[in-house]
């Protein structure tokens, strides 16, 4: 599609772009995408496979690694080659720990977090890369199928559009103390939002997470 052509134009003739099209890939189902990537990885034998860690693709990389019997390193901020080995700078436990992990074998599957690197907005001055159209063998009937995407209810407040947020977490102690945060937010001209424990307790609606 357009995404593949755009990628090819940015990479330039020195690169090679492989595009696999199949009706089962119309929607992102991690198990299906992992199987398609596993077939391509066995065929192309790359040193590393980089997968994005978005809401819909989060499980693709680990499933792929399991299929290949390969190591997987998730939540990578950076990747480099050190003494001939792939080394990833990874973030663990929700950002509480950062560590450098050397891949024990190849291929290694690397999950790259959103915004880990700045996007290259420029285009290559070279001719576009050649796009190789390849096929993957996927069964028509899949055990897990995409049915529909349900947009979450917007709620009375869109926290993504607020200039000031007063965030509360587990340390707020009880639902009664939310009122203190609401008072502070009102004084600052903002609204209250919360971390997952607060939302899981039902002290604030999901739209405030």
Foldseek 3Di string as FASTA:
>chain_A
DVVQQVVQQAVFAVDEAEDEDDPQVPDQDLLQLLQQVLVVCVVVVDQEAEDECDPRNNNNQVNNCVVVVFAEAEQFLDWDADPNWIKTFHAPDVRPDTDIDTGPGPPYYYYYYPPSDDDDPDGDPHGGYDYHYDYDDDDPDDPDGDDDDDDDDLPPDQQVPWPDEQEDEVVCPDLVSVVVSQVVQVVVVHHYAYDDVCCVVVSDPPSRD
